[in-house]
Amino acid sequence: MAKRKKTTDPKVAERRAARKAAQQALASGAAGEAVVAPSRTFHGLPSEPDWVAMREVVPAASATARTTAEHGAVDVLVVTLLPRLWPAMKRSDGVVLVALQTASSSEDPSRDVAAALLQVLDAEPGSALEHIDLPESGPRLQDVLDLDVPFEVTVHDTFAYTVPEDGSAPDEAAAALEEAAGGIVPTVRLTGVDAAYWCRMGEREFLRWARPEDPEQLLDALARLHADRASALDDGSRFVGAFRSCGILVPVWELADGTEAADIEGPVAAFAPKLDEAIASTEPLTPEQRRARAGLVSRQVSLR
């Protein structure tokens, strides 16, 4: 997608100057100090687990967001992936898209995505931010987005969100991304609980459930259930381990062959109170539960 020359609209220039001043104020506050990336990069955002899931395990999805009034109160479409792994783009209809799965990332993805968003806000429609220099300091998504706006996720089976709603033909890069849609892992977000995603990989089905609890507390809870042979969602499923990313855990269950997303809604809803009870427990782990926990830790996979 070719970059277009920007105009010098006075209102745009005024907004850009205000953003730059805000960024400089945040950066100056950290001047002379080592910038330490937070362990939970998306903590404080609406639906934190969905942010992590979209970054790590969901192939094609979009979600709603809006910048603060200071940054223009602009509606934003947060997406999993853009053509050529671009950080952000502005569609020809003016819709701003910012991606969570990109070619490069620092230790603080929240700051990276915020930097891309701020740069693309004043871009010309039909242009893309093809690359950003990863910021060492500056505003994060928690500083840039209106935290009262719900983060409502829509899972897609194509990358059609790169195309304007009027159906105008995509450019070459977007068309190439659409061709890649054939490789999208079928994925469905469950409706009965938050941030739980059914997927089919080859001939096997899985549930991946991003959780907001402290990872160590959640590991204790899963160990309690696993030691009691109560960690399965239903008779045909089994708990197989967890991913760790962006400071939270994403437990994974392998499902019975042929299980559809609708089939697992009821079992997951019934399992949720059992997991919540195990999380709330303050009893010390028994020797058997400690052994179960050690096994879970040994199979845990850390993503980025």
C-alpha atoms as a PDB file:
ATOM      1  CA  MET A   1       0.000   0.000   0.000  1.00  0.00           C
ATOM      2  CA  ALA A   2       1.650   3.247  -1.109  1.00  0.00           C
ATOM      3  CA  LYS A   3       2.030   6.009   1.406  1.00  0.00           C
ATOM      4  CA  ARG A   4       0.152   9.195   0.557  1.00  0.00           C
ATOM      5  CA  LYS A   5       1.389  12.676   1.098  1.00  0.00           C
ATOM      6  CA  LYS A   6      -0.151  14.291   4.146  1.00  0.00           C
ATOM      7  CA  THR A   7      -1.955  17.606   4.034  1.00  0.00           C
ATOM      8  CA  THR A   8      -1.362  20.402   6.538  1.00  0.00           C
ATOM      9  CA  ASP A   9      -4.832  20.822   8.006  1.00  0.00           C
ATOM     10  CA  PRO A  10      -4.503  23.286  10.931  1.00  0.00           C
ATOM     11  CA  LYS A  11      -6.784  21.189  13.152  1.00  0.00           C
ATOM     12  CA  VAL A  12      -4.716  18.087  12.460  1.00  0.00           C
ATOM     13  CA  ALA A  13      -1.537  20.007  13.234  1.00  0.00           C
ATOM     14  CA  GLU A  14      -3.040  21.239  16.500  1.00  0.00           C
ATOM     15  CA  ARG A  15      -4.029  17.706  17.584  1.00  0.00           C
ATOM     16  CA  ARG A  16      -0.615  16.397  16.604  1.00  0.00           C
ATOM     17  CA  ALA A  17       1.115  19.081  18.657  1.00  0.00           C
ATOM     18  CA  ALA A  18      -1.062  18.278  21.677  1.00  0.00           C
ATOM     19  CA  ARG A  19      -0.236  14.583  21.409  1.00  0.00           C
ATOM     20  CA  LYS A  20       3.460  15.296  21.056  1.00  0.00           C
ATOM     21  CA  ALA A  21       3.382  17.480  24.160  1.00  0.00           C
ATOM     22  CA  ALA A  22       1.610  14.750  26.127  1.00  0.00           C
ATOM     23  CA  GLN A  23       4.105  12.146  24.970  1.00  0.00           C
ATOM     24  CA  GLN A  24       7.037  14.374  25.880  1.00  0.00           C
ATOM     25  CA  ALA A  25       5.546  15.005  29.324  1.00  0.00           C
ATOM     26  CA  LEU A  26       5.239  11.275  29.963  1.00  0.00           C
ATOM     27  CA  ALA A  27       8.705  10.592  28.620  1.00  0.00           C
ATOM     28  CA  SER A  28      10.294  13.399  30.659  1.00  0.00           C
ATOM     29  CA  GLY A  29       8.826  11.897  33.803  1.00  0.00           C
ATOM     30  CA  ALA A  30      10.923   8.810  33.139  1.00  0.00           C
ATOM     31  CA  ALA A  31      14.036  10.728  32.078  1.00  0.00           C
ATOM     32  CA  GLY A  32      17.121   9.501  33.839  1.00  0.00           C
ATOM     33  CA  GLU A  33      15.303   6.419  35.078  1.00  0.00           C
ATOM     34  CA  ALA A  34      15.518   2.906  33.725  1.00  0.00           C
ATOM     35  CA  VAL A  35      12.278   2.001  31.962  1.00  0.00           C
ATOM     36  CA  VAL A  36      11.042  -1.233  33.483  1.00  0.00           C
ATOM     37  CA  ALA A  37       8.431  -3.126  31.509  1.00  0.00           C
ATOM     38  CA  PRO A  38       5.476  -4.188  33.681  1.00  0.00           C
ATOM     39  CA  SER A  39       5.004  -7.922  34.108  1.00  0.00           C
ATOM     40  CA  ARG A  40       1.346  -7.624  33.031  1.00  0.00           C
ATOM     41  CA  THR A  41       1.562  -5.394  30.000  1.00  0.00           C
ATOM     42  CA  PHE A  42      -2.214  -5.143  29.369  1.00  0.00           C
ATOM     43  CA  HIS A  43      -3.246  -4.897  33.029  1.00  0.00           C
ATOM     44  CA  GLY A  44      -5.786  -2.117  33.592  1.00  0.00           C
ATOM     45  CA  LEU A  45      -7.276  -2.332  30.104  1.00  0.00           C
ATOM     46  CA  PRO A  46     -10.872  -3.561  29.700  1.00  0.00           C
ATOM     47  CA  SER A  47     -10.903  -7.356  29.187  1.00  0.00           C
ATOM     48  CA  GLU A  48      -7.173  -7.841  29.754  1.00  0.00           C
ATOM     49  CA  PRO A  49      -7.334 -11.612  29.009  1.00  0.00           C
ATOM     50  CA  ASP A  50      -8.847 -10.952  25.573  1.00  0.00           C
ATOM     51  CA  TRP A  51      -5.959  -8.620  24.716  1.00  0.00           C
ATOM     52  CA  VAL A  52      -3.523 -11.421  25.540  1.00  0.00           C
ATOM     53  CA  ALA A  53      -5.542 -14.026  23.637  1.00  0.00           C
ATOM     54  CA  MET A  54      -5.701 -11.823  20.540  1.00  0.00           C
ATOM     55  CA  ARG A  55      -1.975 -11.284  20.678  1.00  0.00           C
ATOM     56  CA  GLU A  56      -1.027 -14.921  21.193  1.00  0.00           C
ATOM     57  CA  VAL A  57      -3.632 -17.550  20.291  1.00  0.00           C
ATOM     58  CA  VAL A  58      -6.419 -16.058  18.144  1.00  0.00           C
ATOM     59  CA  PRO A  59      -5.598 -15.915  14.421  1.00  0.00           C
ATOM     60  CA  ALA A  60      -8.176 -13.420  13.132  1.00  0.00           C
ATOM     61  CA  ALA A  61     -10.235 -11.120  15.337  1.00  0.00           C
ATOM     62  CA  SER A  62     -11.100  -7.481  15.877  1.00  0.00           C
ATOM     63  CA  ALA A  63     -12.241  -5.510  18.910  1.00  0.00           C
ATOM     64  CA  THR A  64     -13.565  -2.061  19.638  1.00  0.00           C
ATOM     65  CA  ALA A  65     -11.658   0.697  21.410  1.00  0.00           C
ATOM     66  CA  ARG A  66     -11.551   4.502  21.516  1.00  0.00           C
ATOM     67  CA  THR A  67      -8.834   6.999  22.262  1.00  0.00           C
ATOM     68  CA  THR A  68      -9.195   9.471  25.109  1.00  0.00           C
ATOM     69  CA  ALA A  69     -10.577  12.940  24.463  1.00  0.00           C
ATOM     70  CA  GLU A  70      -7.000  14.242  24.660  1.00  0.00           C
ATOM     71  CA  HIS A  71      -6.212  12.107  21.624  1.00  0.00           C
ATOM     72  CA  GLY A  72      -9.357  12.991  19.693  1.00  0.00           C
ATOM     73  CA  ALA A  73     -11.866  10.402  21.001  1.00  0.00           C
ATOM     74  CA  VAL A  74     -11.215   8.379  17.841  1.00  0.00           C
ATOM     75  CA  ASP A  75     -12.872   4.975  17.409  1.00  0.00           C
ATOM     76  CA  VAL A  76     -10.212   2.323  16.822  1.00  0.00           C
ATOM     77  CA  LEU A  77     -10.373  -1.239  15.575  1.00  0.00           C
ATOM     78  CA  VAL A  78      -7.822  -3.383  17.413  1.00  0.00           C
ATOM     79  CA  VAL A  79      -7.031  -6.431  15.259  1.00  0.00           C
ATOM     80  CA  THR A  80      -4.880  -9.502  15.462  1.00  0.00           C
ATOM     81  CA  LEU A  81      -3.017  -9.114  12.178  1.00  0.00           C
ATOM     82  CA  LEU A  82      -2.558  -6.659   9.299  1.00  0.00           C
ATOM     83  CA  PRO A  83      -1.030  -7.115   5.821  1.00  0.00           C
ATOM     84  CA  ARG A  84       2.751  -7.597   5.876  1.00  0.00           C
ATOM     85  CA  LEU A  85       2.674  -7.515   9.682  1.00  0.00           C
ATOM     86  CA  TRP A  86       2.144  -3.742   9.642  1.00  0.00           C
ATOM     87  CA  PRO A  87       1.733  -2.197  13.119  1.00  0.00           C
ATOM     88  CA  ALA A  88      -1.199  -0.008  12.015  1.00  0.00           C
ATOM     89  CA  MET A  89      -3.128   1.356   9.047  1.00  0.00           C
ATOM     90  CA  LYS A  90      -5.937   3.740   8.170  1.00  0.00           C
ATOM     91  CA  ARG A  91      -8.403   2.234   5.722  1.00  0.00           C
ATOM     92  CA  SER A  92      -9.587   4.254   2.741  1.00  0.00           C
ATOM     93  CA  ASP A  93     -12.845   4.908   4.628  1.00  0.00           C
ATOM     94  CA  GLY A  94     -10.881   6.499   7.482  1.00  0.00           C
ATOM     95  CA  VAL A  95     -11.187   3.619   9.985  1.00  0.00           C
ATOM     96  CA  VAL A  96      -8.066   3.271  12.151  1.00  0.00           C
ATOM     97  CA  LEU A  97      -6.718  -0.264  12.655  1.00  0.00           C
ATOM     98  CA  VAL A  98      -3.903  -1.217  15.003  1.00  0.00           C
ATOM     99  CA  ALA A  99      -2.463  -4.749  15.202  1.00  0.00           C
ATOM    100  CA  LEU A 100      -1.358  -6.857  18.156  1.00  0.00           C
ATOM    101  CA  GLN A 101       0.592  -9.436  16.141  1.00  0.00           C
ATOM    102  CA  THR A 102       3.451  -7.574  14.461  1.00  0.00           C
ATOM    103  CA  ALA A 103       6.941  -8.194  13.121  1.00  0.00           C
ATOM    104  CA  SER A 104       8.718  -6.815  16.178  1.00  0.00           C
ATOM    105  CA  SER A 105       7.987  -6.139  19.814  1.00  0.00           C
ATOM    106  CA  SER A 106       9.757  -4.720  22.844  1.00  0.00           C
ATOM    107  CA  GLU A 107       9.313  -5.961  26.399  1.00  0.00           C
ATOM    108  CA  ASP A 108       6.198  -3.775  26.672  1.00  0.00           C
ATOM    109  CA  PRO A 109       3.727  -4.460  23.838  1.00  0.00           C
ATOM    110  CA  SER A 110       1.293  -1.961  25.346  1.00  0.00           C
ATOM    111  CA  ARG A 111       3.767   0.846  24.734  1.00  0.00           C
ATOM    112  CA  ASP A 112       4.561  -0.466  21.222  1.00  0.00           C
ATOM    113  CA  VAL A 113       0.900  -0.576  20.181  1.00  0.00           C
ATOM    114  CA  ALA A 114       0.245   2.861  21.684  1.00  0.00           C
ATOM    115  CA  ALA A 115       3.160   4.301  19.712  1.00  0.00           C
ATOM    116  CA  ALA A 116       1.804   2.816  16.475  1.00  0.00           C
ATOM    117  CA  LEU A 117      -1.692   4.096  17.220  1.00  0.00           C
ATOM    118  CA  LEU A 118      -0.556   7.649  17.906  1.00  0.00           C
ATOM    119  CA  GLN A 119       1.461   7.726  14.693  1.00  0.00           C
ATOM    120  CA  VAL A 120      -1.383   6.480  12.485  1.00  0.00           C
ATOM    121  CA  LEU A 121      -4.138   8.713  13.890  1.00  0.00           C
ATOM    122  CA  ASP A 122      -3.281  11.608  11.597  1.00  0.00           C
ATOM    123  CA  ALA A 123      -2.293   9.502   8.591  1.00  0.00           C
ATOM    124  CA  GLU A 124      -4.088   9.950   5.301  1.00  0.00           C
ATOM    125  CA  PRO A 125      -6.911   7.479   4.559  1.00  0.00           C
ATOM    126  CA  GLY A 126      -5.609   4.561   2.544  1.00  0.00           C
ATOM    127  CA  SER A 127      -2.140   4.655   4.100  1.00  0.00           C
ATOM    128  CA  ALA A 128      -0.237   2.302   6.376  1.00  0.00           C
ATOM    129  CA  LEU A 129       2.341   2.542   9.110  1.00  0.00           C
ATOM    130  CA  GLU A 130       4.757  -0.022   7.769  1.00  0.00           C
ATOM    131  CA  HIS A 131       7.316   0.154  10.582  1.00  0.00           C
ATOM    132  CA  ILE A 132       7.900   1.840  13.915  1.00  0.00           C
ATOM    133  CA  ASP A 133      11.037   2.266  15.973  1.00  0.00           C
ATOM    134  CA  LEU A 134      10.232   0.550  19.253  1.00  0.00           C
ATOM    135  CA  PRO A 135       9.926   3.245  21.925  1.00  0.00           C
ATOM    136  CA  GLU A 136      12.094   3.168  25.034  1.00  0.00           C
ATOM    137  CA  SER A 137       9.599   5.329  26.908  1.00  0.00           C
ATOM    138  CA  GLY A 138       6.325   7.064  26.252  1.00  0.00           C
ATOM    139  CA  PRO A 139       2.583   6.581  26.690  1.00  0.00           C
ATOM    140  CA  ARG A 140       1.064   3.132  26.924  1.00  0.00           C
ATOM    141  CA  LEU A 141      -2.373   1.942  25.819  1.00  0.00           C
ATOM    142  CA  GLN A 142      -3.566   2.573  29.370  1.00  0.00           C
ATOM    143  CA  ASP A 143      -2.694   6.270  28.846  1.00  0.00           C
ATOM    144  CA  VAL A 144      -4.065   6.564  25.299  1.00  0.00           C
ATOM    145  CA  LEU A 145      -7.368   4.634  25.365  1.00  0.00           C
ATOM    146  CA  ASP A 146     -10.672   5.488  27.039  1.00  0.00           C
ATOM    147  CA  LEU A 147     -10.855   2.707  29.630  1.00  0.00           C
ATOM    148  CA  ASP A 148     -14.636   3.029  29.936  1.00  0.00           C
ATOM    149  CA  VAL A 149     -15.196   1.777  26.378  1.00  0.00           C
ATOM    150  CA  PRO A 150     -15.869  -1.989  26.335  1.00  0.00           C
ATOM    151  CA  PHE A 151     -13.380  -4.190  24.477  1.00  0.00           C
ATOM    152  CA  GLU A 152     -15.831  -6.252  22.436  1.00  0.00           C
ATOM    153  CA  VAL A 153     -14.153  -9.042  20.463  1.00  0.00           C
ATOM    154  CA  THR A 154     -15.385 -10.419  17.146  1.00  0.00           C
ATOM    155  CA  VAL A 155     -13.663 -13.536  15.779  1.00  0.00           C
ATOM    156  CA  HIS A 156     -13.388 -13.761  11.980  1.00  0.00           C
ATOM    157  CA  ASP A 157     -12.723 -16.565   9.523  1.00  0.00           C
ATOM    158  CA  THR A 158     -11.090 -14.148   7.050  1.00  0.00           C
ATOM    159  CA  PHE A 159      -9.081 -10.925   7.218  1.00  0.00           C
ATOM    160  CA  ALA A 160     -11.903  -8.920   5.675  1.00  0.00           C
ATOM    161  CA  TYR A 161     -11.617  -6.291   8.410  1.00  0.00           C
ATOM    162  CA  THR A 162      -8.796  -4.770   6.341  1.00  0.00           C
ATOM    163  CA  VAL A 163     -11.348  -3.898   3.650  1.00  0.00           C
ATOM    164  CA  PRO A 164     -13.709  -0.879   3.922  1.00  0.00           C
ATOM    165  CA  GLU A 165     -17.345  -1.671   4.630  1.00  0.00           C
ATOM    166  CA  ASP A 166     -18.379  -0.356   1.218  1.00  0.00           C
ATOM    167  CA  GLY A 167     -16.708  -3.438  -0.277  1.00  0.00           C
ATOM    168  CA  SER A 168     -14.191  -1.490  -2.332  1.00  0.00           C
ATOM    169  CA  ALA A 169     -11.425  -3.673  -3.702  1.00  0.00           C
ATOM    170  CA  PRO A 170      -8.504  -4.242  -1.353  1.00  0.00           C
ATOM    171  CA  ASP A 171      -5.012  -3.299  -2.413  1.00  0.00           C
ATOM    172  CA  GLU A 172      -2.430  -5.927  -3.327  1.00  0.00           C
ATOM    173  CA  ALA A 173      -1.248  -6.473   0.250  1.00  0.00           C
ATOM    174  CA  ALA A 174      -4.752  -6.870   1.657  1.00  0.00           C
ATOM    175  CA  ALA A 175      -5.614  -9.257  -1.164  1.00  0.00           C
ATOM    176  CA  ALA A 176      -2.569 -11.358  -0.286  1.00  0.00           C
ATOM    177  CA  LEU A 177      -3.705 -11.456   3.343  1.00  0.00           C
ATOM    178  CA  GLU A 178      -7.138 -12.625   2.255  1.00  0.00           C
ATOM    179  CA  GLU A 179      -5.502 -15.439   0.304  1.00  0.00           C
ATOM    180  CA  ALA A 180      -3.750 -16.483   3.519  1.00  0.00           C
ATOM    181  CA  ALA A 181      -7.142 -16.792   5.225  1.00  0.00           C
ATOM    182  CA  GLY A 182      -7.287 -20.407   4.085  1.00  0.00           C
ATOM    183  CA  GLY A 183      -4.704 -21.190   6.757  1.00  0.00           C
ATOM    184  CA  ILE A 184      -6.675 -19.624   9.623  1.00  0.00           C
ATOM    185  CA  VAL A 185      -7.239 -22.051  12.489  1.00  0.00           C
ATOM    186  CA  PRO A 186     -11.028 -22.272  13.029  1.00  0.00           C
ATOM    187  CA  THR A 187     -11.677 -20.394  16.279  1.00  0.00           C
ATOM    188  CA  VAL A 188     -14.779 -19.436  18.267  1.00  0.00           C
ATOM    189  CA  ARG A 189     -15.013 -17.255  21.379  1.00  0.00           C
ATOM    190  CA  LEU A 190     -17.382 -18.841  23.904  1.00  0.00           C
ATOM    191  CA  THR A 191     -20.326 -16.770  25.097  1.00  0.00           C
ATOM    192  CA  GLY A 192     -20.833 -18.147  28.607  1.00  0.00           C
ATOM    193  CA  VAL A 193     -17.466 -17.144  30.087  1.00  0.00           C
ATOM    194  CA  ASP A 194     -14.894 -14.480  29.304  1.00  0.00           C
ATOM    195  CA  ALA A 195     -11.843 -14.932  27.060  1.00  0.00           C
ATOM    196  CA  ALA A 196     -12.315 -18.670  26.366  1.00  0.00           C
ATOM    197  CA  TYR A 197     -11.593 -19.752  22.792  1.00  0.00           C
ATOM    198  CA  TRP A 198     -12.446 -23.066  21.144  1.00  0.00           C
ATOM    199  CA  CYS A 199     -10.226 -23.981  18.194  1.00  0.00           C
ATOM    200  CA  ARG A 200      -9.712 -26.861  15.767  1.00  0.00           C
ATOM    201  CA  MET A 201      -6.128 -27.691  14.835  1.00  0.00           C
ATOM    202  CA  GLY A 202      -6.080 -30.404  12.208  1.00  0.00           C
ATOM    203  CA  GLU A 203      -8.284 -33.175  13.537  1.00  0.00           C
ATOM    204  CA  ARG A 204      -8.047 -32.116  17.193  1.00  0.00           C
ATOM    205  CA  GLU A 205     -10.089 -29.605  19.170  1.00  0.00           C
ATOM    206  CA  PHE A 206      -8.891 -27.494  22.093  1.00  0.00           C
ATOM    207  CA  LEU A 207     -10.133 -24.870  24.529  1.00  0.00           C
ATOM    208  CA  ARG A 208      -7.745 -22.051  25.434  1.00  0.00           C
ATOM    209  CA  TRP A 209      -8.983 -19.900  28.306  1.00  0.00           C
ATOM    210  CA  ALA A 210      -7.068 -16.717  29.164  1.00  0.00           C
ATOM    211  CA  ARG A 211      -7.458 -15.944  32.860  1.00  0.00           C
ATOM    212  CA  PRO A 212      -6.978 -12.652  34.776  1.00  0.00           C
ATOM    213  CA  GLU A 213      -5.834 -14.155  38.105  1.00  0.00           C
ATOM    214  CA  ASP A 214      -2.299 -14.032  39.445  1.00  0.00           C
ATOM    215  CA  PRO A 215      -0.514 -16.915  37.653  1.00  0.00           C
ATOM    216  CA  GLU A 216       0.835 -18.487  40.834  1.00  0.00           C
ATOM    217  CA  GLN A 217      -2.602 -18.437  42.456  1.00  0.00           C
ATOM    218  CA  LEU A 218      -4.135 -19.948  39.324  1.00  0.00           C
ATOM    219  CA  LEU A 219      -1.475 -22.675  39.207  1.00  0.00           C
ATOM    220  CA  ASP A 220      -2.329 -23.578  42.802  1.00  0.00           C
ATOM    221  CA  ALA A 221      -6.006 -23.830  41.878  1.00  0.00           C
ATOM    222  CA  LEU A 222      -5.370 -25.972  38.815  1.00  0.00           C
ATOM    223  CA  ALA A 223      -3.087 -28.214  40.876  1.00  0.00           C
ATOM    224  CA  ARG A 224      -5.838 -28.708  43.481  1.00  0.00           C
ATOM    225  CA  LEU A 225      -8.280 -29.770  40.769  1.00  0.00           C
ATOM    226  CA  HIS A 226      -5.763 -31.893  38.878  1.00  0.00           C
ATOM    227  CA  ALA A 227      -4.726 -33.806  42.003  1.00  0.00           C
ATOM    228  CA  ASP A 228      -8.391 -34.507  42.723  1.00  0.00           C
ATOM    229  CA  ARG A 229      -8.938 -35.678  39.119  1.00  0.00           C
ATOM    230  CA  ALA A 230     -11.340 -32.779  38.685  1.00  0.00           C
ATOM    231  CA  SER A 231      -9.459 -30.664  36.116  1.00  0.00           C
ATOM    232  CA  ALA A 232     -11.340 -31.954  33.055  1.00  0.00           C
ATOM    233  CA  LEU A 233     -14.180 -29.903  31.614  1.00  0.00           C
ATOM    234  CA  ASP A 234     -16.241 -33.033  30.915  1.00  0.00           C
ATOM    235  CA  ASP A 235     -15.754 -36.769  30.498  1.00  0.00           C
ATOM    236  CA  GLY A 236     -14.202 -36.445  27.058  1.00  0.00           C
ATOM    237  CA  SER A 237     -11.713 -33.663  27.787  1.00  0.00           C
ATOM    238  CA  ARG A 238      -8.408 -33.404  29.614  1.00  0.00           C
ATOM    239  CA  PHE A 239      -6.378 -30.519  30.983  1.00  0.00           C
ATOM    240  CA  VAL A 240      -3.030 -30.501  29.157  1.00  0.00           C
ATOM    241  CA  GLY A 241      -1.165 -27.447  30.478  1.00  0.00           C
ATOM    242  CA  ALA A 242      -0.924 -23.695  30.086  1.00  0.00           C
ATOM    243  CA  PHE A 243       0.730 -20.884  28.154  1.00  0.00           C
ATOM    244  CA  ARG A 244       2.164 -17.919  30.055  1.00  0.00           C
ATOM    245  CA  SER A 245       2.200 -14.569  28.270  1.00  0.00           C
ATOM    246  CA  CYS A 246       2.002 -10.891  29.166  1.00  0.00           C
ATOM    247  CA  GLY A 247       1.861 -11.791  32.851  1.00  0.00           C
ATOM    248  CA  ILE A 248      -1.151 -14.127  32.813  1.00  0.00           C
ATOM    249  CA  LEU A 249      -1.845 -17.807  32.183  1.00  0.00           C
ATOM    250  CA  VAL A 250      -3.823 -19.362  29.345  1.00  0.00           C
ATOM    251  CA  PRO A 251      -4.855 -22.888  30.467  1.00  0.00           C
ATOM    252  CA  VAL A 252      -5.463 -25.386  27.657  1.00  0.00           C
ATOM    253  CA  TRP A 253      -7.791 -28.394  27.472  1.00  0.00           C
ATOM    254  CA  GLU A 254      -7.841 -31.023  24.748  1.00  0.00           C
ATOM    255  CA  LEU A 255     -11.444 -31.870  23.857  1.00  0.00           C
ATOM    256  CA  ALA A 256     -13.110 -35.056  22.704  1.00  0.00           C
ATOM    257  CA  ASP A 257     -12.781 -35.726  18.975  1.00  0.00           C
ATOM    258  CA  GLY A 258     -15.299 -33.748  16.959  1.00  0.00           C
ATOM    259  CA  THR A 259     -16.324 -31.404  19.789  1.00  0.00           C
ATOM    260  CA  GLU A 260     -17.804 -28.175  18.439  1.00  0.00           C
ATOM    261  CA  ALA A 261     -17.734 -24.841  20.235  1.00  0.00           C
ATOM    262  CA  ALA A 262     -21.433 -25.087  21.081  1.00  0.00           C
ATOM    263  CA  ASP A 263     -20.879 -28.510  22.660  1.00  0.00           C
ATOM    264  CA  ILE A 264     -18.449 -27.153  25.228  1.00  0.00           C
ATOM    265  CA  GLU A 265     -20.414 -24.059  26.308  1.00  0.00           C
ATOM    266  CA  GLY A 266     -22.360 -25.941  28.992  1.00  0.00           C
ATOM    267  CA  PRO A 267     -19.420 -27.900  30.466  1.00  0.00           C
ATOM    268  CA  VAL A 268     -17.256 -24.774  30.643  1.00  0.00           C
ATOM    269  CA  ALA A 269     -20.002 -22.781  32.352  1.00  0.00           C
ATOM    270  CA  ALA A 270     -20.431 -25.627  34.871  1.00  0.00           C
ATOM    271  CA  PHE A 271     -16.663 -25.891  35.436  1.00  0.00           C
ATOM    272  CA  ALA A 272     -16.167 -22.159  36.053  1.00  0.00           C
ATOM    273  CA  PRO A 273     -17.545 -22.130  39.649  1.00  0.00           C
ATOM    274  CA  LYS A 274     -15.339 -25.113  40.540  1.00  0.00           C
ATOM    275  CA  LEU A 275     -12.284 -23.263  39.286  1.00  0.00           C
ATOM    276  CA  ASP A 276     -13.322 -20.079  41.106  1.00  0.00           C
ATOM    277  CA  GLU A 277     -13.705 -22.059  44.344  1.00  0.00           C
ATOM    278  CA  ALA A 278     -10.262 -23.586  43.933  1.00  0.00           C
ATOM    279  CA  ILE A 279      -8.779 -20.142  43.268  1.00  0.00           C
ATOM    280  CA  ALA A 280     -10.413 -18.746  46.420  1.00  0.00           C
ATOM    281  CA  SER A 281      -9.041 -21.544  48.628  1.00  0.00           C
ATOM    282  CA  THR A 282      -6.366 -20.498  51.137  1.00  0.00           C
ATOM    283  CA  GLU A 283      -5.586 -24.007  52.366  1.00  0.00           C
ATOM    284  CA  PRO A 284      -1.949 -25.115  51.933  1.00  0.00           C
ATOM    285  CA  LEU A 285      -1.375 -27.525  49.080  1.00  0.00           C
ATOM    286  CA  THR A 286      -1.204 -31.173  50.053  1.00  0.00           C
ATOM    287  CA  PRO A 287       1.834 -33.261  49.013  1.00  0.00           C
ATOM    288  CA  GLU A 288      -0.171 -34.710  46.117  1.00  0.00           C
ATOM    289  CA  GLN A 289      -1.276 -31.244  45.021  1.00  0.00           C
ATOM    290  CA  ARG A 290       2.326 -29.979  45.198  1.00  0.00           C
ATOM    291  CA  ARG A 291       3.424 -32.821  42.933  1.00  0.00           C
ATOM    292  CA  ALA A 292       0.605 -31.974  40.537  1.00  0.00           C
ATOM    293  CA  ARG A 293       1.686 -28.337  40.567  1.00  0.00           C
ATOM    294  CA  ALA A 294       5.298 -29.253  39.799  1.00  0.00           C
ATOM    295  CA  GLY A 295       4.082 -31.233  36.817  1.00  0.00           C
ATOM    296  CA  LEU A 296       2.033 -28.275  35.551  1.00  0.00           C
ATOM    297  CA  VAL A 297       5.000 -25.932  35.903  1.00  0.00           C
ATOM    298  CA  SER A 298       7.255 -28.316  33.989  1.00  0.00           C
ATOM    299  CA  ARG A 299       4.803 -28.358  31.065  1.00  0.00           C
ATOM    300  CA  GLN A 300       4.147 -24.625  31.088  1.00  0.00           C
ATOM    301  CA  VAL A 301       5.113 -22.771  27.919  1.00  0.00           C
ATOM    302  CA  SER A 302       6.097 -19.085  27.973  1.00  0.00           C
ATOM    303  CA  LEU A 303       5.203 -17.102  24.843  1.00  0.00           C
ATOM    304  CA  ARG A 304       7.293 -14.030  24.044  1.00  0.00           C
END
